[in-house]
Amino acid sequence: MNRSLTVSLAALALVSLTLAGCGRKGDLDVPGTPVVDQNNASKKAAPVEDRPFVLDPLL
């Protein structure tokens, strides 16, 4: 009986971890926002100013 309980708990843990890994990664989406608009919103980042660094001559 002890072995069957251990196997059952291991199977339950495996199924739980598998189901916990399902889903989309990333930020939560507002309902009704088209995917195209969500993708374009992340690409509109402001350009970063290039600042010199002390170790730049080594590169």
PDB file of N, CA and C in Angstrom:
ATOM      1  N   MET A   1       0.825  -1.195   0.000  1.00  0.00           N
ATOM      2  CA  MET A   1       0.000   0.000   0.000  1.00  0.00           C
ATOM      3  C   MET A   1       0.870   1.260   0.000  1.00  0.00           C
ATOM      4  N   ASN A   2       1.965   1.218   0.694  1.00  0.00           N
ATOM      5  CA  ASN A   2       2.825   2.383   0.780  1.00  0.00           C
ATOM      6  C   ASN A   2       3.416   2.727  -0.585  1.00  0.00           C
ATOM      7  N   ARG A   3       3.778   1.706  -1.369  1.00  0.00           N
ATOM      8  CA  ARG A   3       4.363   1.938  -2.688  1.00  0.00           C
ATOM      9  C   ARG A   3       3.327   2.533  -3.637  1.00  0.00           C
ATOM     10  N   SER A   4       2.102   2.056  -3.599  1.00  0.00           N
ATOM     11  CA  SER A   4       1.072   2.586  -4.497  1.00  0.00           C
ATOM     12  C   SER A   4       0.734   4.040  -4.145  1.00  0.00           C
ATOM     13  N   LEU A   5       0.784   4.375  -2.876  1.00  0.00           N
ATOM     14  CA  LEU A   5       0.542   5.750  -2.455  1.00  0.00           C
ATOM     15  C   LEU A   5       1.664   6.660  -2.966  1.00  0.00           C
ATOM     16  N   THR A   6       2.891   6.194  -2.878  1.00  0.00           N
ATOM     17  CA  THR A   6       4.027   6.977  -3.361  1.00  0.00           C
ATOM     18  C   THR A   6       3.949   7.191  -4.863  1.00  0.00           C
ATOM     19  N   VAL A   7       3.593   6.154  -5.602  1.00  0.00           N
ATOM     20  CA  VAL A   7       3.464   6.262  -7.058  1.00  0.00           C
ATOM     21  C   VAL A   7       2.327   7.208  -7.414  1.00  0.00           C
ATOM     22  N   SER A   8       1.232   7.125  -6.700  1.00  0.00           N
ATOM     23  CA  SER A   8       0.091   8.011  -6.961  1.00  0.00           C
ATOM     24  C   SER A   8       0.456   9.473  -6.692  1.00  0.00           C
ATOM     25  N   LEU A   9       1.143   9.727  -5.605  1.00  0.00           N
ATOM     26  CA  LEU A   9       1.541  11.096  -5.285  1.00  0.00           C
ATOM     27  C   LEU A   9       2.561  11.624  -6.293  1.00  0.00           C
ATOM     28  N   ALA A  10       3.464  10.767  -6.742  1.00  0.00           N
ATOM     29  CA  ALA A  10       4.440  11.191  -7.749  1.00  0.00           C
ATOM     30  C   ALA A  10       3.741  11.518  -9.066  1.00  0.00           C
ATOM     31  N   ALA A  11       2.767  10.704  -9.459  1.00  0.00           N
ATOM     32  CA  ALA A  11       2.013  10.964 -10.689  1.00  0.00           C
ATOM     33  C   ALA A  11       1.202  12.251 -10.558  1.00  0.00           C
ATOM     34  N   LEU A  12       0.610  12.474  -9.426  1.00  0.00           N
ATOM     35  CA  LEU A  12      -0.153  13.696  -9.189  1.00  0.00           C
ATOM     36  C   LEU A  12       0.753  14.926  -9.252  1.00  0.00           C
ATOM     37  N   ALA A  13       1.936  14.825  -8.666  1.00  0.00           N
ATOM     38  CA  ALA A  13       2.881  15.938  -8.712  1.00  0.00           C
ATOM     39  C   ALA A  13       3.334  16.208 -10.141  1.00  0.00           C
ATOM     40  N   LEU A  14       3.581  15.160 -10.918  1.00  0.00           N
ATOM     41  CA  LEU A  14       4.009  15.322 -12.302  1.00  0.00           C
ATOM     42  C   LEU A  14       2.920  15.989 -13.138  1.00  0.00           C
ATOM     43  N   VAL A  15       1.685  15.564 -12.975  1.00  0.00           N
ATOM     44  CA  VAL A  15       0.571  16.166 -13.710  1.00  0.00           C
ATOM     45  C   VAL A  15       0.382  17.623 -13.288  1.00  0.00           C
ATOM     46  N   SER A  16       0.525  17.907 -12.011  1.00  0.00           N
ATOM     47  CA  SER A  16       0.367  19.280 -11.522  1.00  0.00           C
ATOM     48  C   SER A  16       1.436  20.201 -12.102  1.00  0.00           C
ATOM     49  N   LEU A  17       2.678  19.736 -12.140  1.00  0.00           N
ATOM     50  CA  LEU A  17       3.753  20.546 -12.706  1.00  0.00           C
ATOM     51  C   LEU A  17       3.576  20.738 -14.199  1.00  0.00           C
ATOM     52  N   THR A  18       3.079  19.723 -14.883  1.00  0.00           N
ATOM     53  CA  THR A  18       2.846  19.834 -16.321  1.00  0.00           C
ATOM     54  C   THR A  18       1.763  20.871 -16.607  1.00  0.00           C
ATOM     55  N   LEU A  19       0.683  20.828 -15.864  1.00  0.00           N
ATOM     56  CA  LEU A  19      -0.397  21.787 -16.072  1.00  0.00           C
ATOM     57  C   LEU A  19       0.008  23.198 -15.652  1.00  0.00           C
ATOM     58  N   ALA A  20       0.872  23.317 -14.671  1.00  0.00           N
ATOM     59  CA  ALA A  20       1.315  24.644 -14.233  1.00  0.00           C
ATOM     60  C   ALA A  20       2.193  25.302 -15.288  1.00  0.00           C
ATOM     61  N   GLY A  21       2.838  24.519 -16.142  1.00  0.00           N
ATOM     62  CA  GLY A  21       3.698  25.062 -17.173  1.00  0.00           C
ATOM     63  C   GLY A  21       2.954  25.479 -18.423  1.00  0.00           C
ATOM     64  N   CYS A  22       1.669  25.207 -18.504  1.00  0.00           N
ATOM     65  CA  CYS A  22       0.895  25.557 -19.697  1.00  0.00           C
ATOM     66  C   CYS A  22       0.541  27.044 -19.667  1.00  0.00           C
ATOM     67  N   GLY A  23       0.372  27.625 -20.839  1.00  0.00           N
ATOM     68  CA  GLY A  23      -0.075  29.008 -20.920  1.00  0.00           C
ATOM     69  C   GLY A  23       0.894  29.872 -21.677  1.00  0.00           C
ATOM     70  N   ARG A  24       0.516  31.111 -21.877  1.00  0.00           N
ATOM     71  CA  ARG A  24       1.348  32.083 -22.586  1.00  0.00           C
ATOM     72  C   ARG A  24       2.260  32.781 -21.607  1.00  0.00           C
ATOM     73  N   LYS A  25       3.498  32.974 -22.022  1.00  0.00           N
ATOM     74  CA  LYS A  25       4.431  33.724 -21.203  1.00  0.00           C
ATOM     75  C   LYS A  25       4.319  35.193 -21.567  1.00  0.00           C
ATOM     76  N   GLY A  26       4.611  36.049 -20.632  1.00  0.00           N
ATOM     77  CA  GLY A  26       4.615  37.469 -20.920  1.00  0.00           C
ATOM     78  C   GLY A  26       3.617  38.214 -20.063  1.00  0.00           C
ATOM     79  N   ASP A  27       3.440  39.472 -20.422  1.00  0.00           N
ATOM     80  CA  ASP A  27       2.533  40.332 -19.671  1.00  0.00           C
ATOM     81  C   ASP A  27       1.084  39.906 -19.875  1.00  0.00           C
ATOM     82  N   LEU A  28       0.254  40.274 -18.924  1.00  0.00           N
ATOM     83  CA  LEU A  28      -1.168  40.022 -19.066  1.00  0.00           C
ATOM     84  C   LEU A  28      -1.732  40.942 -20.138  1.00  0.00           C
ATOM     85  N   ASP A  29      -2.624  40.421 -20.962  1.00  0.00           N
ATOM     86  CA  ASP A  29      -3.191  41.192 -22.056  1.00  0.00           C
ATOM     87  C   ASP A  29      -4.561  41.725 -21.661  1.00  0.00           C
ATOM     88  N   VAL A  30      -4.833  42.921 -22.117  1.00  0.00           N
ATOM     89  CA  VAL A  30      -6.151  43.494 -21.910  1.00  0.00           C
ATOM     90  C   VAL A  30      -7.109  42.758 -22.844  1.00  0.00           C
ATOM     91  N   PRO A  31      -8.263  42.320 -22.375  1.00  0.00           N
ATOM     92  CA  PRO A  31      -9.191  41.604 -23.245  1.00  0.00           C
ATOM     93  C   PRO A  31      -9.624  42.477 -24.418  1.00  0.00           C
ATOM     94  N   GLY A  32      -9.616  41.891 -25.604  1.00  0.00           N
ATOM     95  CA  GLY A  32     -10.067  42.600 -26.792  1.00  0.00           C
ATOM     96  C   GLY A  32      -8.964  43.345 -27.524  1.00  0.00           C
ATOM     97  N   THR A  33      -7.747  43.332 -27.028  1.00  0.00           N
ATOM     98  CA  THR A  33      -6.644  44.002 -27.710  1.00  0.00           C
ATOM     99  C   THR A  33      -6.087  43.052 -28.767  1.00  0.00           C
ATOM    100  N   PRO A  34      -6.076  43.465 -30.037  1.00  0.00           N
ATOM    101  CA  PRO A  34      -5.554  42.582 -31.081  1.00  0.00           C
ATOM    102  C   PRO A  34      -4.064  42.282 -30.864  1.00  0.00           C
ATOM    103  N   VAL A  35      -3.655  41.110 -31.272  1.00  0.00           N
ATOM    104  CA  VAL A  35      -2.268  40.685 -31.087  1.00  0.00           C
ATOM    105  C   VAL A  35      -1.317  41.593 -31.855  1.00  0.00           C
ATOM    106  N   VAL A  36      -1.736  42.073 -33.020  1.00  0.00           N
ATOM    107  CA  VAL A  36      -0.878  42.953 -33.822  1.00  0.00           C
ATOM    108  C   VAL A  36      -0.578  44.229 -33.048  1.00  0.00           C
ATOM    109  N   ASP A  37      -1.580  44.801 -32.400  1.00  0.00           N
ATOM    110  CA  ASP A  37      -1.371  46.016 -31.615  1.00  0.00           C
ATOM    111  C   ASP A  37      -0.475  45.750 -30.404  1.00  0.00           C
ATOM    112  N   GLN A  38      -0.603  44.581 -29.791  1.00  0.00           N
ATOM    113  CA  GLN A  38       0.234  44.241 -28.647  1.00  0.00           C
ATOM    114  C   GLN A  38       1.692  44.119 -29.076  1.00  0.00           C
ATOM    115  N   ASN A  39       1.935  43.518 -30.228  1.00  0.00           N
ATOM    116  CA  ASN A  39       3.302  43.354 -30.712  1.00  0.00           C
ATOM    117  C   ASN A  39       3.906  44.692 -31.108  1.00  0.00           C
ATOM    118  N   ASN A  40       3.127  45.575 -31.732  1.00  0.00           N
ATOM    119  CA  ASN A  40       3.637  46.881 -32.148  1.00  0.00           C
ATOM    120  C   ASN A  40       3.913  47.783 -30.954  1.00  0.00           C
ATOM    121  N   ALA A  41       3.168  47.623 -29.880  1.00  0.00           N
ATOM    122  CA  ALA A  41       3.361  48.469 -28.702  1.00  0.00           C
ATOM    123  C   ALA A  41       4.717  48.219 -28.067  1.00  0.00           C
ATOM    124  N   SER A  42       5.193  46.982 -28.104  1.00  0.00           N
ATOM    125  CA  SER A  42       6.476  46.696 -27.484  1.00  0.00           C
ATOM    126  C   SER A  42       7.644  47.130 -28.359  1.00  0.00           C
ATOM    127  N   LYS A  43       7.440  47.337 -29.653  1.00  0.00           N
ATOM    128  CA  LYS A  43       8.523  47.717 -30.564  1.00  0.00           C
ATOM    129  C   LYS A  43       8.758  49.225 -30.602  1.00  0.00           C
ATOM    130  N   LYS A  44       7.864  50.019 -30.044  1.00  0.00           N
ATOM    131  CA  LYS A  44       7.962  51.473 -30.132  1.00  0.00           C
ATOM    132  C   LYS A  44       8.756  52.051 -28.962  1.00  0.00           C
ATOM    133  N   ALA A  45       9.888  51.439 -28.636  1.00  0.00           N
ATOM    134  CA  ALA A  45      10.717  51.944 -27.547  1.00  0.00           C
ATOM    135  C   ALA A  45      11.562  53.111 -28.052  1.00  0.00           C
ATOM    136  N   ALA A  46      11.793  54.062 -27.174  1.00  0.00           N
ATOM    137  CA  ALA A  46      12.600  55.224 -27.537  1.00  0.00           C
ATOM    138  C   ALA A  46      14.049  54.797 -27.722  1.00  0.00           C
ATOM    139  N   PRO A  47      14.741  55.378 -28.698  1.00  0.00           N
ATOM    140  CA  PRO A  47      16.147  55.015 -28.906  1.00  0.00           C
ATOM    141  C   PRO A  47      17.002  55.429 -27.709  1.00  0.00           C
ATOM    142  N   VAL A  48      17.978  54.607 -27.403  1.00  0.00           N
ATOM    143  CA  VAL A  48      18.843  54.864 -26.260  1.00  0.00           C
ATOM    144  C   VAL A  48      20.034  55.697 -26.712  1.00  0.00           C
ATOM    145  N   GLU A  49      20.337  56.730 -25.945  1.00  0.00           N
ATOM    146  CA  GLU A  49      21.462  57.598 -26.265  1.00  0.00           C
ATOM    147  C   GLU A  49      22.770  56.844 -26.039  1.00  0.00           C
ATOM    148  N   ASP A  50      23.677  56.918 -27.007  1.00  0.00           N
ATOM    149  CA  ASP A  50      24.959  56.242 -26.910  1.00  0.00           C
ATOM    150  C   ASP A  50      25.906  57.113 -26.085  1.00  0.00           C
ATOM    151  N   ARG A  51      26.277  56.607 -24.903  1.00  0.00           N
ATOM    152  CA  ARG A  51      27.169  57.337 -24.024  1.00  0.00           C
ATOM    153  C   ARG A  51      28.516  56.617 -23.993  1.00  0.00           C
ATOM    154  N   PRO A  52      29.605  57.357 -24.067  1.00  0.00           N
ATOM    155  CA  PRO A  52      30.918  56.700 -24.000  1.00  0.00           C
ATOM    156  C   PRO A  52      31.172  56.093 -22.630  1.00  0.00           C
ATOM    157  N   PHE A  53      31.951  55.009 -22.617  1.00  0.00           N
ATOM    158  CA  PHE A  53      32.289  54.309 -21.399  1.00  0.00           C
ATOM    159  C   PHE A  53      33.798  54.192 -21.316  1.00  0.00           C
ATOM    160  N   VAL A  54      34.342  54.096 -20.132  1.00  0.00           N
ATOM    161  CA  VAL A  54      35.786  54.079 -19.922  1.00  0.00           C
ATOM    162  C   VAL A  54      36.459  52.929 -20.678  1.00  0.00           C
ATOM    163  N   LEU A  55      35.830  51.772 -20.720  1.00  0.00           N
ATOM    164  CA  LEU A  55      36.441  50.593 -21.336  1.00  0.00           C
ATOM    165  C   LEU A  55      36.155  50.452 -22.832  1.00  0.00           C
ATOM    166  N   ASP A  56      35.493  51.423 -23.461  1.00  0.00           N
ATOM    167  CA  ASP A  56      35.187  51.341 -24.885  1.00  0.00           C
ATOM    168  C   ASP A  56      36.412  51.156 -25.765  1.00  0.00           C
ATOM    169  N   PRO A  57      37.544  51.804 -25.499  1.00  0.00           N
ATOM    170  CA  PRO A  57      38.714  51.590 -26.372  1.00  0.00           C
ATOM    171  C   PRO A  57      39.201  50.137 -26.383  1.00  0.00           C
ATOM    172  N   LEU A  58      38.910  49.366 -25.330  1.00  0.00           N
ATOM    173  CA  LEU A  58      39.349  47.970 -25.297  1.00  0.00           C
ATOM    174  C   LEU A  58      38.517  47.093 -26.230  1.00  0.00           C
ATOM    175  N   LEU A  59      37.309  47.526 -26.532  1.00  0.00           N
ATOM    176  CA  LEU A  59      36.448  46.728 -27.380  1.00  0.00           C
ATOM    177  C   LEU A  59      36.764  47.016 -28.819  1.00  0.00           C
TER     178      LEU A  59
END
